[in-house]
Amino acid sequence: MRILFLSVPTGQGHHQTCKALEEYCSNIDGVECMTVDVVDNVQPLLADSLSNAYLLSTKMTPGVYGKIYEMAERRDYTKTSGLSRIIKTVLNKKLMRVLRDYKPDVIVASHVFSAIAVSYLRRKYPFKAKTVAIITDFTVHPFWEETNFDYYITATELLDFQVIKKGHSPEKIKSFGIPISPKFSTSVPKKEARAELGLDDKFTVLFMMGSMGYGHNTMQSIKQLDSLDEDFQLITVCGRNTRLKQHIDNFVSDKKILNFGYVNNVDLLMDAADCIITKPGGLSTSEALAKGLPIVMLNPIPGQEDRNEEFMLNNGLAMSISETFTIDEAIYQLINYPHKINQLKENMKFVAKPHSAKEMGEFLLYICN
């Protein structure tokens, strides 16, 4: 059995989703896996442009990205979009060559761009491989209407209504959750995790800015937290933002701050923490939910992260920072009113999918037998 995972270079979440699934499936006898960055492997110049454009639009001009997203939500879905036409034109021939060479039994797309390309190829050059799409947010991107896959994997059953509204039948929807690494399905006791990291055994706040270290006014937020009288410590993760890491390293703080750049032990950092401050990205949110770690959201990238934030708030799964509800007030409440943490954790139990990779991996085997 051959499984082909298709990703796209817009952030790390889509790659990590494929990696989590490949990690599980590749350990099964008789299963061969391959992950392809669908843009990089067929059009390297486009890959650079797409990756750079994504970073520019989300980090430098997020408002523009948000407006484009809103326009996509309002467009006429009966007509093929210009973006869809570009994807088909650029990717179809070379992507078809990848499919012919590898001859997969299952094609798994972790991004709507790759799903659009595969849907087009399937109509033009019919193939037998089963197709599975993973919707990697707690919302359904506007362009999913232009795809035609056998199955759609959602983060939670609560999104099924959105998928059906976009024209897909209920039989195609499988709510396994966004696939995350199996290491998020187990936990180390807080005291042990803190000792391993060289931290004190007391209230701990994990502050993560994503793989690229994106975050508006991050230093200001850290200074606000440091000014609180409450006794707690901070773990900060700057991703690949070396400038931010240097700023935090040089900051003379009253609180103990354990500062990292890019890390591979997020699961251990979550085990050591009492809450996490982070952008509402689909993958990081899924990991925190699996760990039962209360979430404080800030700086959503306009577009799907705005919708992720709405979902989390509407379902009582997180707190959100705003101009009138500041980051120091949020942490003050979590430290001094334990019922707030307990309430968030209780709600998380109904949405968390800690075994998502395993359940989806077993499903991939099932549909091929």
Protein backbone atom coordinates (compact mmCIF):
# COMPACT_ATOMS: atom_id res chain seq x y z
CA MET A 1 0.00 0.00 0.00
CA ARG A 2 1.38 3.39 -0.99
CA ILE A 3 0.28 6.65 0.62
CA LEU A 4 1.18 9.98 -0.98
CA PHE A 5 0.97 13.03 1.30
CA LEU A 6 0.75 16.40 -0.43
CA SER A 7 1.66 19.63 1.35
CA VAL A 8 2.18 23.31 0.43
CA PRO A 9 4.81 25.81 1.75
CA THR A 10 2.50 28.18 3.65
CA GLY A 11 3.61 27.89 7.28
CA GLN A 12 4.71 24.71 9.07
CA GLY A 13 1.29 23.37 10.09
CA HIS A 14 0.54 21.56 6.83
CA HIS A 15 3.97 19.89 6.75
CA GLN A 16 3.69 18.87 10.41
CA THR A 17 0.27 17.34 9.77
CA CYS A 18 1.70 15.16 7.00
CA LYS A 19 4.70 14.30 9.17
CA ALA A 20 2.47 13.14 12.04
CA LEU A 21 0.54 10.82 9.73
CA GLU A 22 3.66 9.52 8.02
CA GLU A 23 5.20 8.84 11.45
CA TYR A 24 2.29 6.56 12.29
CA CYS A 25 1.69 4.90 8.90
CA SER A 26 5.33 4.18 8.04
CA ASN A 27 5.59 1.87 11.07
CA ILE A 28 2.91 -0.45 9.67
CA ASP A 29 4.10 -3.50 7.73
CA GLY A 30 3.31 -3.31 4.04
CA VAL A 31 2.79 0.46 4.01
CA GLU A 32 5.04 2.84 2.09
CA CYS A 33 4.73 6.61 2.54
CA MET A 34 6.03 9.64 0.68
CA THR A 35 5.46 13.31 1.46
CA VAL A 36 5.70 15.79 -1.39
CA ASP A 37 5.68 19.56 -1.14
CA VAL A 38 3.42 19.82 -4.15
CA VAL A 39 4.64 23.29 -5.15
CA ASP A 40 8.34 22.87 -4.38
CA ASN A 41 8.62 19.56 -6.22
CA VAL A 42 6.83 20.65 -9.36
CA GLN A 43 7.60 24.39 -9.49
CA PRO A 44 10.50 25.45 -7.20
CA LEU A 45 10.28 29.12 -8.22
CA LEU A 46 6.58 29.17 -7.41
CA ALA A 47 7.33 27.54 -4.05
CA ASP A 48 9.66 30.38 -3.08
CA SER A 49 7.17 32.97 -4.28
CA LEU A 50 4.26 31.35 -2.45
CA SER A 51 6.20 30.92 0.79
CA ASN A 52 7.51 34.49 0.68
CA ALA A 53 4.10 35.87 -0.26
CA TYR A 54 2.50 34.00 2.64
CA LEU A 55 5.02 35.37 5.12
CA LEU A 56 4.70 38.88 3.70
CA SER A 57 0.90 38.87 3.75
CA THR A 58 0.57 37.37 7.22
CA LYS A 59 3.50 39.02 8.97
CA MET A 60 3.92 42.38 7.25
CA THR A 61 0.46 43.10 5.83
CA PRO A 62 -1.99 40.79 7.65
CA GLY A 63 -4.92 43.14 7.02
CA VAL A 64 -4.54 42.64 3.25
CA TYR A 65 -4.55 38.86 3.69
CA GLY A 66 -7.71 39.15 5.81
CA LYS A 67 -9.50 41.25 3.17
CA ILE A 68 -8.64 38.70 0.46
CA TYR A 69 -9.99 35.93 2.69
CA GLU A 70 -13.24 37.83 3.26
CA MET A 71 -13.62 38.43 -0.48
CA ALA A 72 -13.18 34.69 -1.08
CA GLU A 73 -15.94 33.99 1.45
CA ARG A 74 -18.34 36.28 -0.44
CA ARG A 75 -17.55 35.19 -3.99
CA ASP A 76 -19.87 33.30 -6.34
CA TYR A 77 -19.07 29.63 -5.72
CA THR A 78 -20.70 28.53 -8.98
CA LYS A 79 -17.79 30.09 -10.89
CA THR A 80 -14.21 28.86 -10.93
CA SER A 81 -11.93 31.32 -9.16
CA GLY A 82 -8.88 32.91 -10.72
CA LEU A 83 -6.71 31.26 -8.06
CA SER A 84 -8.11 27.85 -8.99
CA ARG A 85 -7.30 28.44 -12.65
CA ILE A 86 -3.71 29.39 -11.77
CA ILE A 87 -3.25 26.28 -9.63
CA LYS A 88 -4.58 24.03 -12.39
CA THR A 89 -2.41 25.66 -15.06
CA VAL A 90 0.82 25.60 -13.09
CA LEU A 91 0.58 22.29 -11.26
CA ASN A 92 -1.39 19.84 -13.36
CA LYS A 93 1.20 18.34 -15.74
CA LYS A 94 4.09 17.93 -13.33
CA LEU A 95 1.87 16.81 -10.46
CA MET A 96 0.36 14.17 -12.74
CA ARG A 97 3.89 12.93 -13.40
CA VAL A 98 4.41 12.51 -9.66
CA LEU A 99 1.20 10.50 -9.40
CA ARG A 100 2.11 8.29 -12.36
CA ASP A 101 5.62 7.59 -11.07
CA TYR A 102 4.63 6.81 -7.48
CA LYS A 103 1.27 5.11 -8.24
CA PRO A 104 -0.29 5.80 -4.82
CA ASP A 105 -3.24 3.86 -3.42
CA VAL A 106 -4.24 6.88 -1.32
CA ILE A 107 -3.60 10.59 -1.86
CA VAL A 108 -3.78 12.77 1.24
CA ALA A 109 -3.89 16.56 0.77
CA SER A 110 -3.20 18.78 3.78
CA HIS A 111 -3.81 22.10 2.00
CA VAL A 112 -6.65 23.35 -0.16
CA PHE A 113 -4.26 24.30 -3.01
CA SER A 114 -3.04 20.72 -3.42
CA ALA A 115 -6.64 19.49 -3.08
CA ILE A 116 -7.77 21.78 -5.93
CA ALA A 117 -4.96 20.51 -8.16
CA VAL A 118 -5.76 16.85 -7.43
CA SER A 119 -9.49 17.41 -7.96
CA TYR A 120 -8.79 18.91 -11.38
CA LEU A 121 -6.45 16.08 -12.39
CA ARG A 122 -8.98 13.51 -11.24
CA ARG A 123 -11.59 14.96 -13.61
CA LYS A 124 -9.20 15.25 -16.53
CA TYR A 125 -7.19 12.04 -16.05
CA PRO A 126 -9.27 9.64 -13.90
CA PHE A 127 -7.21 7.52 -11.51
CA LYS A 128 -8.13 4.83 -8.98
CA ALA A 129 -6.38 6.21 -5.88
CA LYS A 130 -8.62 7.16 -2.96
CA THR A 131 -8.43 10.85 -2.06
CA VAL A 132 -8.51 12.23 1.47
CA ALA A 133 -8.39 15.94 2.36
CA ILE A 134 -7.40 17.28 5.78
CA ILE A 135 -8.93 20.61 6.79
CA THR A 136 -6.22 21.94 9.10
CA ASP A 137 -8.20 24.69 10.84
CA PHE A 138 -11.23 25.03 13.08
CA THR A 139 -13.05 26.53 10.12
CA VAL A 140 -13.50 25.56 6.47
CA HIS A 141 -11.53 27.69 3.98
CA PRO A 142 -13.67 29.28 1.23
CA PHE A 143 -11.88 27.41 -1.59
CA TRP A 144 -12.84 23.92 -0.35
CA GLU A 145 -15.94 24.25 -2.56
CA GLU A 146 -13.68 23.79 -5.57
CA THR A 147 -12.47 20.37 -4.47
CA ASN A 148 -13.93 16.91 -4.99
CA PHE A 149 -12.37 14.33 -2.68
CA ASP A 150 -13.63 10.98 -1.40
CA TYR A 151 -13.26 12.06 2.22
CA TYR A 152 -12.77 15.24 4.26
CA ILE A 153 -11.10 15.11 7.67
CA THR A 154 -12.27 17.81 10.09
CA ALA A 155 -10.88 19.01 13.42
CA THR A 156 -14.15 18.22 15.20
CA GLU A 157 -17.74 17.12 14.59
CA LEU A 158 -18.74 20.73 15.29
CA LEU A 159 -17.40 21.66 11.81
CA ASP A 160 -19.48 19.11 9.91
CA PHE A 161 -22.22 21.69 9.29
CA GLN A 162 -19.76 24.00 7.53
CA VAL A 163 -18.49 21.21 5.28
CA ILE A 164 -22.03 20.22 4.30
CA LYS A 165 -22.87 23.88 3.54
CA LYS A 166 -19.96 23.93 1.11
CA GLY A 167 -21.57 21.18 -0.95
CA HIS A 168 -20.02 17.98 0.40
CA SER A 169 -22.18 15.04 1.49
CA PRO A 170 -22.19 13.97 5.17
CA GLU A 171 -20.90 10.51 4.20
CA LYS A 172 -17.61 12.04 3.11
CA ILE A 173 -16.91 13.74 6.47
CA LYS A 174 -14.70 12.05 9.07
CA SER A 175 -14.08 14.01 12.26
CA PHE A 176 -10.83 12.39 13.37
CA GLY A 177 -9.26 15.73 14.27
CA ILE A 178 -6.23 17.47 12.76
CA PRO A 179 -3.47 14.81 12.83
CA ILE A 180 -0.86 15.60 15.48
CA SER A 181 2.17 13.68 16.66
CA PRO A 182 1.38 10.74 18.98
CA LYS A 183 3.64 12.32 21.62
CA PHE A 184 0.81 14.77 22.40
CA SER A 185 -1.43 11.88 23.47
CA THR A 186 0.63 11.20 26.61
CA SER A 187 1.85 13.46 29.41
CA VAL A 188 4.65 13.78 31.93
CA PRO A 189 3.66 15.04 35.42
CA LYS A 190 4.21 18.81 35.66
CA LYS A 191 6.76 18.49 38.45
CA GLU A 192 8.88 16.07 36.39
CA ALA A 193 8.62 18.18 33.23
CA ARG A 194 9.66 21.31 35.09
CA ALA A 195 12.59 19.54 36.73
CA GLU A 196 13.78 18.27 33.33
CA LEU A 197 13.72 21.84 32.01
CA GLY A 198 15.42 23.31 35.09
CA LEU A 199 12.32 25.23 36.18
CA ASP A 200 10.83 25.79 39.62
CA ASP A 201 7.72 23.85 40.54
CA LYS A 202 5.19 26.68 40.38
CA PHE A 203 2.63 28.26 38.04
CA THR A 204 4.13 28.31 34.54
CA VAL A 205 3.05 30.23 31.45
CA LEU A 206 4.10 28.97 28.00
CA PHE A 207 4.27 31.78 25.43
CA MET A 208 4.61 30.48 21.85
CA MET A 209 4.83 32.66 18.75
CA GLY A 210 4.63 29.93 16.09
CA SER A 211 7.35 28.42 13.91
CA MET A 212 8.19 31.81 12.37
CA GLY A 213 8.02 33.67 15.67
CA TYR A 214 5.25 35.93 14.41
CA GLY A 215 3.64 38.09 17.05
CA HIS A 216 2.66 41.75 17.24
CA ASN A 217 4.11 43.59 20.26
CA THR A 218 5.45 40.39 21.81
CA MET A 219 8.03 42.20 23.94
CA GLN A 220 5.36 44.55 25.24
CA SER A 221 3.25 41.54 26.25
CA ILE A 222 6.19 39.94 28.07
CA LYS A 223 6.88 43.18 29.92
CA GLN A 224 3.23 43.35 30.96
CA LEU A 225 3.42 39.83 32.33
CA ASP A 226 6.70 40.53 34.08
CA SER A 227 5.13 43.48 35.91
CA LEU A 228 2.49 41.30 37.60
CA ASP A 229 2.92 40.79 41.35
CA GLU A 230 1.84 37.13 41.12
CA ASP A 231 4.50 34.46 41.52
CA PHE A 232 4.94 32.55 38.25
CA GLN A 233 7.53 31.79 35.58
CA LEU A 234 7.60 31.98 31.78
CA ILE A 235 8.66 29.69 28.95
CA THR A 236 8.99 31.64 25.70
CA VAL A 237 9.40 30.04 22.26
CA CYS A 238 10.47 32.40 19.47
CA GLY A 239 10.57 29.95 16.59
CA ARG A 240 12.92 31.11 13.84
CA ASN A 241 12.64 34.75 14.88
CA THR A 242 16.25 35.22 16.03
CA ARG A 243 15.78 38.95 16.61
CA LEU A 244 12.92 38.34 19.03
CA LYS A 245 14.91 35.68 20.85
CA GLN A 246 17.80 38.09 21.30
CA HIS A 247 15.47 40.77 22.66
CA ILE A 248 14.08 38.38 25.26
CA ASP A 249 17.55 37.08 26.14
CA ASN A 250 18.67 40.65 26.81
CA PHE A 251 15.56 41.61 28.79
CA VAL A 252 16.26 42.08 32.51
CA SER A 253 13.16 40.51 34.05
CA ASP A 254 11.82 40.03 37.55
CA LYS A 255 10.27 36.71 36.59
CA LYS A 256 12.24 33.65 35.61
CA ILE A 257 12.11 33.29 31.80
CA LEU A 258 13.26 30.16 29.99
CA ASN A 259 13.72 31.37 26.41
CA PHE A 260 13.98 29.18 23.30
CA GLY A 261 14.25 29.64 19.55
CA TYR A 262 12.94 26.79 17.38
CA VAL A 263 12.21 23.66 19.42
CA ASN A 264 11.27 20.02 18.90
CA ASN A 265 10.01 19.35 22.43
CA VAL A 266 6.78 21.36 22.47
CA ASP A 267 5.06 18.39 24.12
CA LEU A 268 7.38 18.59 27.14
CA LEU A 269 7.01 22.39 27.35
CA MET A 270 3.23 21.95 27.38
CA ASP A 271 3.50 19.34 30.14
CA ALA A 272 5.44 21.84 32.26
CA ALA A 273 2.92 24.67 31.72
CA ASP A 274 -0.38 25.62 33.36
CA CYS A 275 -1.55 27.59 30.32
CA ILE A 276 -0.35 28.60 26.86
CA ILE A 277 -0.41 32.00 25.16
CA THR A 278 -0.37 31.55 21.39
CA LYS A 279 -1.79 32.44 18.00
CA PRO A 280 -4.88 30.36 17.16
CA GLY A 281 -3.25 28.21 14.48
CA GLY A 282 -4.98 24.91 13.72
CA LEU A 283 -2.09 22.60 14.60
CA SER A 284 -0.85 24.31 17.77
CA THR A 285 -4.42 24.62 19.02
CA SER A 286 -5.01 20.90 18.39
CA GLU A 287 -1.84 20.05 20.33
CA ALA A 288 -2.89 22.20 23.29
CA LEU A 289 -6.37 20.67 23.26
CA ALA A 290 -4.88 17.18 23.27
CA LYS A 291 -2.79 18.11 26.31
CA GLY A 292 -5.75 19.75 28.05
CA LEU A 293 -3.71 22.94 28.32
CA PRO A 294 -5.80 26.12 28.77
CA ILE A 295 -5.31 28.51 25.86
CA VAL A 296 -5.00 32.29 25.81
CA MET A 297 -5.18 33.48 22.19
CA LEU A 298 -3.60 36.61 20.75
CA ASN A 299 -2.58 38.10 17.41
CA PRO A 300 -4.66 35.91 15.07
CA ILE A 301 -3.67 36.32 11.44
CA PRO A 302 -6.74 37.80 9.72
CA GLY A 303 -8.54 35.10 7.78
CA GLN A 304 -8.70 31.52 8.98
CA GLU A 305 -7.07 32.29 12.34
CA ASP A 306 -9.79 34.85 13.03
CA ARG A 307 -12.29 32.07 12.39
CA ASN A 308 -10.31 29.68 14.60
CA GLU A 309 -10.51 32.25 17.38
CA GLU A 310 -14.28 32.60 16.91
CA PHE A 311 -14.69 28.84 17.12
CA MET A 312 -12.64 28.55 20.29
CA LEU A 313 -14.49 31.38 22.03
CA ASN A 314 -17.95 30.23 20.93
CA ASN A 315 -17.27 26.79 22.34
CA GLY A 316 -15.72 27.88 25.63
CA LEU A 317 -12.30 26.47 24.79
CA ALA A 318 -10.05 29.51 25.21
CA MET A 319 -9.64 33.11 26.34
CA SER A 320 -8.75 35.89 23.91
CA ILE A 321 -6.63 39.00 24.33
CA SER A 322 -7.97 42.35 23.10
CA GLU A 323 -7.43 46.05 23.75
CA THR A 324 -9.95 45.89 26.59
CA PHE A 325 -8.94 42.48 27.96
CA THR A 326 -5.17 42.60 28.29
CA ILE A 327 -2.69 39.77 28.60
CA ASP A 328 -1.79 40.54 32.21
CA GLU A 329 -5.47 40.47 33.20
CA ALA A 330 -5.94 37.07 31.53
CA ILE A 331 -3.01 35.51 33.40
CA TYR A 332 -4.04 37.21 36.65
CA GLN A 333 -7.45 35.54 36.37
CA LEU A 334 -6.04 32.10 35.59
CA ILE A 335 -3.66 32.25 38.56
CA ASN A 336 -6.16 33.56 41.09
CA TYR A 337 -9.38 31.89 39.96
CA PRO A 338 -8.69 28.16 39.44
CA HIS A 339 -12.28 27.50 38.39
CA LYS A 340 -11.52 29.27 35.08
CA ILE A 341 -8.78 26.77 34.28
CA ASN A 342 -11.01 23.88 35.36
CA GLN A 343 -13.83 25.16 33.17
CA LEU A 344 -11.62 25.42 30.09
CA LYS A 345 -10.17 21.95 30.68
CA GLU A 346 -13.63 20.43 31.04
CA ASN A 347 -14.81 21.94 27.74
CA MET A 348 -11.62 20.79 26.02
CA LYS A 349 -12.44 17.15 26.74
CA PHE A 350 -15.33 17.26 24.25
CA VAL A 351 -13.22 18.61 21.36
CA ALA A 352 -9.69 17.24 21.94
CA LYS A 353 -8.49 14.54 19.53
CA PRO A 354 -5.23 13.23 21.06
CA HIS A 355 -5.24 10.06 18.92
CA SER A 356 -6.06 11.77 15.62
CA ALA A 357 -3.04 10.44 13.69
CA LYS A 358 -3.69 6.86 14.79
CA GLU A 359 -7.41 6.98 14.00
CA MET A 360 -6.83 8.54 10.58
CA GLY A 361 -3.97 6.14 9.82
CA GLU A 362 -6.24 3.18 10.56
CA PHE A 363 -8.91 4.73 8.34
CA LEU A 364 -6.44 5.01 5.44
CA LEU A 365 -5.70 1.29 5.76
CA TYR A 366 -9.41 0.49 5.93
CA ILE A 367 -10.38 2.29 2.73
CA CYS A 368 -7.71 0.43 0.77
CA ASN A 369 -8.78 -3.06 1.90
